[in-house]
Amino acid sequence: MSQDHAQLDSDVICHHIYPMVQADATICIKVLQGSVESAYGYKVSDKKVWHAKQKAIAKIYGDWEELYDQLRRYFNALQAFIPAFRNRKSLVSMDRTHLYGKYAGTLLMGIAQDGNNNILSFAIVERENTDLWFFFLSNLRRHVATQPPPWDDPPTS
């Protein structure tokens, strides 16, 4: 039989693919789909296998909401028990991605936390080079990450 079977739901598929996802969470849907087809004799949809893989990942690592709550509790503990962390927001996450198609270029991004708990800074440049990164980081430092880093603090006696 080549058609999907109603009783071959994402829970059954999750049980089958769990060891493969546990061994390699980046395993592609087509590989998982082939394994399900050879084990059960039915071809299942990409969507059903994707949902089953998401269930397997949640079983292995926890679901997104649970992990986010753990991260929030971790940062609250840092703020409560590490005095230097309480007043600092010097964590800035930076990345870049290349743009293709009609609007080619590079998107430079800086993400930090402001008084409202969010801020995103970005620049779209023709090409990535040292001068443009220097310009971006200088402005990011001036306008976003306004607190001096801990290593700039004068020594206390």
N, C-alpha and C. Protein backbone atom coordinates (compact mmCIF):
# COMPACT_ATOMS: atom_id res chain seq x y z
N MET A 1 0.84 -1.18 0.00
CA MET A 1 0.00 0.00 0.00
C MET A 1 0.88 1.24 0.00
N SER A 2 0.47 2.24 -0.73
CA SER A 2 1.30 3.43 -0.82
C SER A 2 0.65 4.64 -0.19
N GLN A 3 -0.58 4.50 0.30
CA GLN A 3 -1.25 5.65 0.88
C GLN A 3 -1.07 5.67 2.39
N ASP A 4 -1.25 6.85 2.96
CA ASP A 4 -1.16 7.05 4.40
C ASP A 4 -2.25 6.24 5.12
N HIS A 5 -1.98 5.80 6.32
CA HIS A 5 -2.95 5.03 7.10
C HIS A 5 -3.40 5.87 8.30
N ALA A 6 -4.71 5.88 8.56
CA ALA A 6 -5.29 6.73 9.61
C ALA A 6 -4.73 6.41 10.99
N GLN A 7 -4.46 5.13 11.27
CA GLN A 7 -3.95 4.77 12.59
C GLN A 7 -2.45 5.01 12.73
N LEU A 8 -1.80 5.34 11.65
CA LEU A 8 -0.38 5.67 11.70
C LEU A 8 -0.27 7.17 11.98
N ASP A 9 -0.59 7.55 13.21
CA ASP A 9 -0.62 8.97 13.57
C ASP A 9 0.76 9.43 14.07
N SER A 10 0.85 10.70 14.43
CA SER A 10 2.15 11.26 14.81
C SER A 10 2.68 10.64 16.10
N ASP A 11 1.81 10.13 16.98
CA ASP A 11 2.30 9.47 18.20
C ASP A 11 3.00 8.15 17.87
N VAL A 12 2.42 7.37 16.97
CA VAL A 12 3.04 6.11 16.56
C VAL A 12 4.35 6.39 15.83
N ILE A 13 4.32 7.38 14.95
CA ILE A 13 5.53 7.75 14.20
C ILE A 13 6.60 8.26 15.17
N CYS A 14 6.20 9.07 16.14
CA CYS A 14 7.14 9.60 17.14
C CYS A 14 7.84 8.45 17.86
N HIS A 15 7.09 7.45 18.26
CA HIS A 15 7.66 6.30 18.95
C HIS A 15 8.70 5.59 18.07
N HIS A 16 8.38 5.50 16.78
CA HIS A 16 9.31 4.83 15.85
C HIS A 16 10.58 5.65 15.61
N ILE A 17 10.45 6.94 15.41
CA ILE A 17 11.61 7.77 15.03
C ILE A 17 12.38 8.30 16.22
N TYR A 18 11.86 8.15 17.42
CA TYR A 18 12.50 8.70 18.63
C TYR A 18 14.00 8.37 18.72
N PRO A 19 14.42 7.09 18.55
CA PRO A 19 15.85 6.81 18.66
C PRO A 19 16.69 7.53 17.60
N MET A 20 16.13 7.69 16.41
CA MET A 20 16.89 8.38 15.36
C MET A 20 17.03 9.86 15.67
N VAL A 21 15.95 10.47 16.17
CA VAL A 21 16.00 11.89 16.52
C VAL A 21 16.90 12.10 17.74
N GLN A 22 16.87 11.16 18.66
CA GLN A 22 17.74 11.26 19.84
C GLN A 22 19.22 11.20 19.43
N ALA A 23 19.52 10.37 18.44
CA ALA A 23 20.90 10.25 17.97
C ALA A 23 21.34 11.47 17.17
N ASP A 24 20.40 12.07 16.43
CA ASP A 24 20.72 13.23 15.59
C ASP A 24 19.46 14.08 15.41
N ALA A 25 19.35 15.15 16.19
CA ALA A 25 18.16 16.00 16.14
C ALA A 25 18.03 16.75 14.83
N THR A 26 19.09 16.78 14.04
CA THR A 26 19.03 17.49 12.75
C THR A 26 18.67 16.57 11.60
N ILE A 27 18.33 15.34 11.91
CA ILE A 27 17.99 14.38 10.85
C ILE A 27 16.83 14.93 10.02
N CYS A 28 16.91 14.75 8.71
CA CYS A 28 15.91 15.37 7.84
C CYS A 28 14.63 14.54 7.78
N ILE A 29 13.56 15.23 7.44
CA ILE A 29 12.23 14.63 7.39
C ILE A 29 12.18 13.49 6.37
N LYS A 30 12.84 13.66 5.24
CA LYS A 30 12.82 12.62 4.19
C LYS A 30 13.41 11.30 4.68
N VAL A 31 14.48 11.37 5.47
CA VAL A 31 15.09 10.15 6.02
C VAL A 31 14.12 9.48 6.99
N LEU A 32 13.51 10.28 7.85
CA LEU A 32 12.53 9.73 8.80
C LEU A 32 11.34 9.14 8.07
N GLN A 33 10.90 9.84 7.02
CA GLN A 33 9.77 9.38 6.21
C GLN A 33 10.08 8.01 5.59
N GLY A 34 11.29 7.86 5.08
CA GLY A 34 11.71 6.59 4.48
C GLY A 34 11.74 5.47 5.51
N SER A 35 12.18 5.77 6.71
CA SER A 35 12.23 4.77 7.77
C SER A 35 10.83 4.31 8.16
N VAL A 36 9.90 5.26 8.27
CA VAL A 36 8.51 4.92 8.61
C VAL A 36 7.90 4.07 7.51
N GLU A 37 8.16 4.45 6.25
CA GLU A 37 7.60 3.71 5.12
C GLU A 37 8.12 2.28 5.08
N SER A 38 9.42 2.11 5.32
CA SER A 38 9.97 0.75 5.27
C SER A 38 9.52 -0.08 6.47
N ALA A 39 9.26 0.56 7.61
CA ALA A 39 8.83 -0.18 8.80
C ALA A 39 7.35 -0.56 8.76
N TYR A 40 6.52 0.33 8.24
CA TYR A 40 5.07 0.12 8.30
C TYR A 40 4.41 -0.15 6.94
N GLY A 41 5.14 0.10 5.86
CA GLY A 41 4.58 -0.16 4.54
C GLY A 41 3.63 0.91 4.04
N TYR A 42 3.63 2.05 4.68
CA TYR A 42 2.78 3.17 4.27
C TYR A 42 3.62 4.41 4.10
N LYS A 43 3.28 5.19 3.09
CA LYS A 43 3.94 6.48 2.87
C LYS A 43 3.15 7.53 3.64
N VAL A 44 3.83 8.23 4.55
CA VAL A 44 3.18 9.26 5.36
C VAL A 44 3.61 10.63 4.88
N SER A 45 2.79 11.63 5.17
CA SER A 45 3.05 12.99 4.68
C SER A 45 4.22 13.64 5.43
N ASP A 46 4.83 14.60 4.76
CA ASP A 46 5.89 15.38 5.39
C ASP A 46 5.38 16.02 6.68
N LYS A 47 4.18 16.55 6.62
CA LYS A 47 3.60 17.26 7.76
C LYS A 47 3.47 16.34 8.97
N LYS A 48 3.00 15.11 8.75
CA LYS A 48 2.81 14.16 9.85
C LYS A 48 4.17 13.78 10.46
N VAL A 49 5.16 13.56 9.62
CA VAL A 49 6.49 13.22 10.12
C VAL A 49 7.11 14.41 10.85
N TRP A 50 6.89 15.61 10.33
CA TRP A 50 7.41 16.82 10.99
C TRP A 50 6.81 16.95 12.39
N HIS A 51 5.49 16.76 12.51
CA HIS A 51 4.84 16.83 13.82
C HIS A 51 5.38 15.76 14.77
N ALA A 52 5.59 14.56 14.25
CA ALA A 52 6.15 13.48 15.06
C ALA A 52 7.57 13.83 15.51
N LYS A 53 8.36 14.44 14.64
CA LYS A 53 9.72 14.83 15.00
C LYS A 53 9.69 15.91 16.09
N GLN A 54 8.76 16.86 15.98
CA GLN A 54 8.63 17.90 17.00
C GLN A 54 8.26 17.27 18.35
N LYS A 55 7.40 16.27 18.35
CA LYS A 55 7.05 15.58 19.58
C LYS A 55 8.27 14.87 20.17
N ALA A 56 9.05 14.23 19.31
CA ALA A 56 10.25 13.53 19.78
C ALA A 56 11.25 14.52 20.37
N ILE A 57 11.44 15.65 19.72
CA ILE A 57 12.37 16.67 20.22
C ILE A 57 11.89 17.20 21.57
N ALA A 58 10.57 17.41 21.71
CA ALA A 58 10.02 17.88 22.99
C ALA A 58 10.23 16.84 24.08
N LYS A 59 10.11 15.56 23.75
CA LYS A 59 10.35 14.51 24.74
C LYS A 59 11.82 14.46 25.16
N ILE A 60 12.70 14.72 24.21
CA ILE A 60 14.14 14.64 24.48
C ILE A 60 14.62 15.87 25.25
N TYR A 61 14.26 17.06 24.75
CA TYR A 61 14.82 18.30 25.29
C TYR A 61 13.85 19.11 26.13
N GLY A 62 12.55 18.79 26.11
CA GLY A 62 11.55 19.61 26.77
C GLY A 62 10.90 20.51 25.74
N ASP A 63 9.72 21.00 26.05
CA ASP A 63 9.05 21.86 25.07
C ASP A 63 9.53 23.31 25.21
N TRP A 64 9.23 24.12 24.22
CA TRP A 64 9.75 25.49 24.15
C TRP A 64 9.34 26.33 25.35
N GLU A 65 8.07 26.23 25.76
CA GLU A 65 7.59 27.03 26.88
C GLU A 65 8.31 26.66 28.17
N GLU A 66 8.50 25.37 28.38
CA GLU A 66 9.20 24.90 29.57
C GLU A 66 10.65 25.41 29.59
N LEU A 67 11.33 25.32 28.45
CA LEU A 67 12.71 25.78 28.37
C LEU A 67 12.81 27.30 28.56
N TYR A 68 11.85 28.03 28.00
CA TYR A 68 11.85 29.48 28.16
C TYR A 68 11.64 29.85 29.63
N ASP A 69 10.73 29.16 30.32
CA ASP A 69 10.51 29.42 31.74
C ASP A 69 11.76 29.12 32.55
N GLN A 70 12.49 28.06 32.19
CA GLN A 70 13.73 27.74 32.88
C GLN A 70 14.75 28.85 32.68
N LEU A 71 14.83 29.38 31.48
CA LEU A 71 15.76 30.47 31.20
C LEU A 71 15.39 31.70 32.01
N ARG A 72 14.09 32.01 32.08
CA ARG A 72 13.63 33.16 32.87
C ARG A 72 13.99 32.98 34.34
N ARG A 73 13.78 31.77 34.90
CA ARG A 73 14.14 31.51 36.30
C ARG A 73 15.65 31.64 36.50
N TYR A 74 16.43 31.19 35.54
CA TYR A 74 17.89 31.30 35.63
C TYR A 74 18.33 32.77 35.70
N PHE A 75 17.78 33.60 34.82
CA PHE A 75 18.16 35.02 34.84
C PHE A 75 17.65 35.72 36.10
N ASN A 76 16.49 35.34 36.59
CA ASN A 76 16.00 35.92 37.85
C ASN A 76 16.93 35.55 39.00
N ALA A 77 17.41 34.31 39.01
CA ALA A 77 18.36 33.89 40.05
C ALA A 77 19.67 34.66 39.93
N LEU A 78 20.14 34.85 38.71
CA LEU A 78 21.36 35.64 38.52
C LEU A 78 21.19 37.06 39.06
N GLN A 79 20.06 37.68 38.76
CA GLN A 79 19.82 39.04 39.23
C GLN A 79 19.71 39.09 40.75
N ALA A 80 19.13 38.06 41.36
CA ALA A 80 18.93 38.06 42.80
C ALA A 80 20.22 37.79 43.58
N PHE A 81 21.09 36.93 43.05
CA PHE A 81 22.23 36.47 43.84
C PHE A 81 23.59 36.99 43.39
N ILE A 82 23.66 37.62 42.23
CA ILE A 82 24.94 38.17 41.77
C ILE A 82 24.76 39.68 41.62
N PRO A 83 25.24 40.45 42.59
CA PRO A 83 24.98 41.90 42.59
C PRO A 83 25.40 42.60 41.30
N ALA A 84 26.52 42.22 40.72
CA ALA A 84 26.99 42.90 39.50
C ALA A 84 26.04 42.66 38.34
N PHE A 85 25.34 41.52 38.34
CA PHE A 85 24.45 41.20 37.23
C PHE A 85 23.16 41.99 37.29
N ARG A 86 22.73 42.34 38.51
CA ARG A 86 21.44 42.99 38.70
C ARG A 86 21.33 44.29 37.91
N ASN A 87 22.39 45.06 37.85
CA ASN A 87 22.35 46.37 37.19
C ASN A 87 22.95 46.38 35.80
N ARG A 88 23.36 45.24 35.33
CA ARG A 88 24.01 45.17 34.02
C ARG A 88 23.07 44.58 32.99
N LYS A 89 23.14 45.12 31.83
CA LYS A 89 22.46 44.54 30.67
C LYS A 89 23.43 44.61 29.51
N SER A 90 24.62 44.08 29.74
CA SER A 90 25.68 44.21 28.75
C SER A 90 25.73 43.04 27.77
N LEU A 91 24.72 42.17 27.80
CA LEU A 91 24.68 41.07 26.85
C LEU A 91 24.04 41.55 25.56
N VAL A 92 24.81 41.51 24.51
CA VAL A 92 24.32 41.89 23.19
C VAL A 92 24.59 40.72 22.26
N SER A 93 23.56 40.23 21.63
CA SER A 93 23.69 39.14 20.68
C SER A 93 23.79 39.74 19.29
N MET A 94 24.78 39.32 18.52
CA MET A 94 24.99 39.89 17.19
C MET A 94 25.06 38.78 16.16
N ASP A 95 24.59 39.11 14.96
CA ASP A 95 24.64 38.14 13.87
C ASP A 95 24.53 38.91 12.57
N ARG A 96 24.70 38.18 11.48
CA ARG A 96 24.50 38.76 10.15
C ARG A 96 23.98 37.68 9.24
N THR A 97 23.27 38.10 8.23
CA THR A 97 22.79 37.16 7.23
C THR A 97 22.86 37.84 5.87
N HIS A 98 23.13 37.05 4.86
CA HIS A 98 23.23 37.58 3.51
C HIS A 98 21.85 37.60 2.87
N LEU A 99 21.55 38.67 2.16
CA LEU A 99 20.28 38.82 1.48
C LEU A 99 20.49 38.51 0.00
N TYR A 100 19.53 37.84 -0.59
CA TYR A 100 19.64 37.44 -1.99
C TYR A 100 18.43 37.92 -2.76
N GLY A 101 18.51 37.83 -4.06
CA GLY A 101 17.38 38.21 -4.90
C GLY A 101 17.43 39.67 -5.27
N LYS A 102 16.27 40.30 -5.36
CA LYS A 102 16.16 41.69 -5.80
C LYS A 102 16.92 42.65 -4.89
N TYR A 103 16.87 42.41 -3.58
CA TYR A 103 17.51 43.30 -2.61
C TYR A 103 18.71 42.60 -1.97
N ALA A 104 19.76 42.46 -2.73
CA ALA A 104 20.97 41.80 -2.24
C ALA A 104 21.67 42.71 -1.24
N GLY A 105 22.48 42.12 -0.41
CA GLY A 105 23.24 42.86 0.59
C GLY A 105 23.46 41.99 1.80
N THR A 106 23.75 42.63 2.92
CA THR A 106 23.95 41.93 4.18
C THR A 106 23.17 42.64 5.27
N LEU A 107 22.47 41.88 6.08
CA LEU A 107 21.73 42.41 7.21
C LEU A 107 22.57 42.18 8.46
N LEU A 108 22.99 43.27 9.12
CA LEU A 108 23.72 43.18 10.39
C LEU A 108 22.72 43.40 11.50
N MET A 109 22.75 42.56 12.55
CA MET A 109 21.77 42.67 13.63
C MET A 109 22.47 42.68 14.98
N GLY A 110 21.93 43.47 15.88
CA GLY A 110 22.35 43.48 17.28
C GLY A 110 21.11 43.45 18.14
N ILE A 111 21.04 42.52 19.06
CA ILE A 111 19.87 42.37 19.91
C ILE A 111 20.33 42.51 21.35
N ALA A 112 19.66 43.41 22.07
CA ALA A 112 20.00 43.66 23.47
C ALA A 112 18.71 43.87 24.24
N GLN A 113 18.85 44.14 25.52
CA GLN A 113 17.68 44.38 26.36
C GLN A 113 17.71 45.82 26.84
N ASP A 114 16.61 46.54 26.62
CA ASP A 114 16.51 47.91 27.11
C ASP A 114 15.59 47.94 28.32
N GLY A 115 15.20 49.12 28.76
CA GLY A 115 14.34 49.26 29.92
C GLY A 115 12.99 48.60 29.75
N ASN A 116 12.54 48.44 28.53
CA ASN A 116 11.27 47.76 28.25
C ASN A 116 11.48 46.29 27.93
N ASN A 117 12.67 45.80 28.20
CA ASN A 117 13.03 44.39 28.00
C ASN A 117 13.15 43.97 26.54
N ASN A 118 13.36 44.89 25.63
CA ASN A 118 13.59 44.49 24.25
C ASN A 118 14.22 45.62 23.45
N ILE A 119 15.02 45.26 22.52
CA ILE A 119 15.55 46.21 21.54
C ILE A 119 16.23 45.41 20.43
N LEU A 120 16.04 45.86 19.25
CA LEU A 120 16.66 45.25 18.09
C LEU A 120 17.29 46.36 17.29
N SER A 121 18.53 46.18 16.93
CA SER A 121 19.22 47.16 16.11
C SER A 121 19.69 46.44 14.86
N PHE A 122 19.52 47.08 13.72
CA PHE A 122 19.96 46.42 12.50
C PHE A 122 20.43 47.44 11.49
N ALA A 123 21.19 46.96 10.54
CA ALA A 123 21.64 47.77 9.42
C ALA A 123 21.69 46.87 8.20
N ILE A 124 21.29 47.44 7.07
CA ILE A 124 21.40 46.72 5.80
C ILE A 124 22.51 47.40 5.02
N VAL A 125 23.51 46.63 4.66
CA VAL A 125 24.68 47.18 3.97
C VAL A 125 24.88 46.43 2.66
N GLU A 126 25.58 47.09 1.73
CA GLU A 126 25.81 46.46 0.42
C GLU A 126 26.66 45.21 0.54
N ARG A 127 27.71 45.31 1.34
CA ARG A 127 28.60 44.17 1.54
C ARG A 127 29.18 44.25 2.94
N GLU A 128 29.60 43.12 3.44
CA GLU A 128 30.16 43.05 4.78
C GLU A 128 31.65 43.34 4.71
N ASN A 129 32.10 44.29 5.53
CA ASN A 129 33.53 44.56 5.64
C ASN A 129 33.84 45.15 7.02
N THR A 130 35.09 45.32 7.32
CA THR A 130 35.52 45.77 8.64
C THR A 130 35.01 47.16 8.96
N ASP A 131 35.05 48.08 8.00
CA ASP A 131 34.59 49.45 8.25
C ASP A 131 33.11 49.50 8.59
N LEU A 132 32.30 48.73 7.88
CA LEU A 132 30.86 48.72 8.16
C LEU A 132 30.56 48.08 9.50
N TRP A 133 31.27 47.01 9.86
CA TRP A 133 31.07 46.42 11.18
C TRP A 133 31.49 47.40 12.27
N PHE A 134 32.59 48.12 12.06
CA PHE A 134 33.04 49.11 13.04
C PHE A 134 31.98 50.19 13.22
N PHE A 135 31.43 50.69 12.12
CA PHE A 135 30.37 51.70 12.18
C PHE A 135 29.16 51.16 12.94
N PHE A 136 28.74 49.94 12.60
CA PHE A 136 27.57 49.34 13.25
C PHE A 136 27.81 49.14 14.74
N LEU A 137 28.96 48.55 15.10
CA LEU A 137 29.24 48.29 16.51
C LEU A 137 29.43 49.58 17.31
N SER A 138 30.03 50.59 16.70
CA SER A 138 30.18 51.88 17.39
C SER A 138 28.83 52.48 17.71
N ASN A 139 27.91 52.46 16.75
CA ASN A 139 26.58 53.00 16.99
C ASN A 139 25.78 52.12 17.95
N LEU A 140 25.98 50.83 17.87
CA LEU A 140 25.33 49.93 18.80
C LEU A 140 25.78 50.24 20.22
N ARG A 141 27.07 50.44 20.40
CA ARG A 141 27.63 50.77 21.72
C ARG A 141 27.10 52.12 22.21
N ARG A 142 27.03 53.09 21.32
CA ARG A 142 26.62 54.44 21.70
C ARG A 142 25.13 54.52 22.03
N HIS A 143 24.29 53.82 21.27
CA HIS A 143 22.85 54.00 21.40
C HIS A 143 22.11 52.85 22.07
N VAL A 144 22.70 51.66 22.10
CA VAL A 144 21.99 50.49 22.64
C VAL A 144 22.65 50.01 23.92
N ALA A 145 23.89 49.61 23.84
CA ALA A 145 24.60 49.08 25.01
C ALA A 145 25.28 50.22 25.74
N THR A 146 24.48 51.05 26.39
CA THR A 146 25.00 52.28 26.99
C THR A 146 25.71 52.06 28.32
N GLN A 147 25.46 50.94 28.98
CA GLN A 147 26.15 50.64 30.24
C GLN A 147 27.58 50.21 29.92
N PRO A 148 28.56 50.69 30.68
CA PRO A 148 29.93 50.23 30.43
C PRO A 148 30.07 48.75 30.81
N PRO A 149 30.89 48.03 30.07
CA PRO A 149 31.09 46.62 30.42
C PRO A 149 31.79 46.50 31.78
N PRO A 150 31.64 45.36 32.47
CA PRO A 150 32.22 45.20 33.81
C PRO A 150 33.73 45.42 33.86
N TRP A 151 34.43 45.11 32.78
CA TRP A 151 35.89 45.27 32.79
C TRP A 151 36.30 46.74 32.73
N ASP A 152 35.35 47.66 32.46
CA ASP A 152 35.65 49.10 32.48
C ASP A 152 35.45 49.72 33.86
N ASP A 153 34.91 48.96 34.82
CA ASP A 153 34.67 49.50 36.15
C ASP A 153 35.99 49.81 36.84
N PRO A 154 36.04 50.91 37.57
CA PRO A 154 37.28 51.17 38.34
C PRO A 154 37.38 50.16 39.49
N PRO A 155 38.59 49.81 39.86
CA PRO A 155 38.74 48.84 40.97
C PRO A 155 38.22 49.43 42.27
N THR A 156 37.60 48.55 43.08
CA THR A 156 37.12 48.98 44.39
C THR A 156 38.09 48.53 45.44
N SER A 157 38.24 49.34 46.47
CA SER A 157 39.20 48.95 47.52
C SER A 157 38.51 48.59 48.79
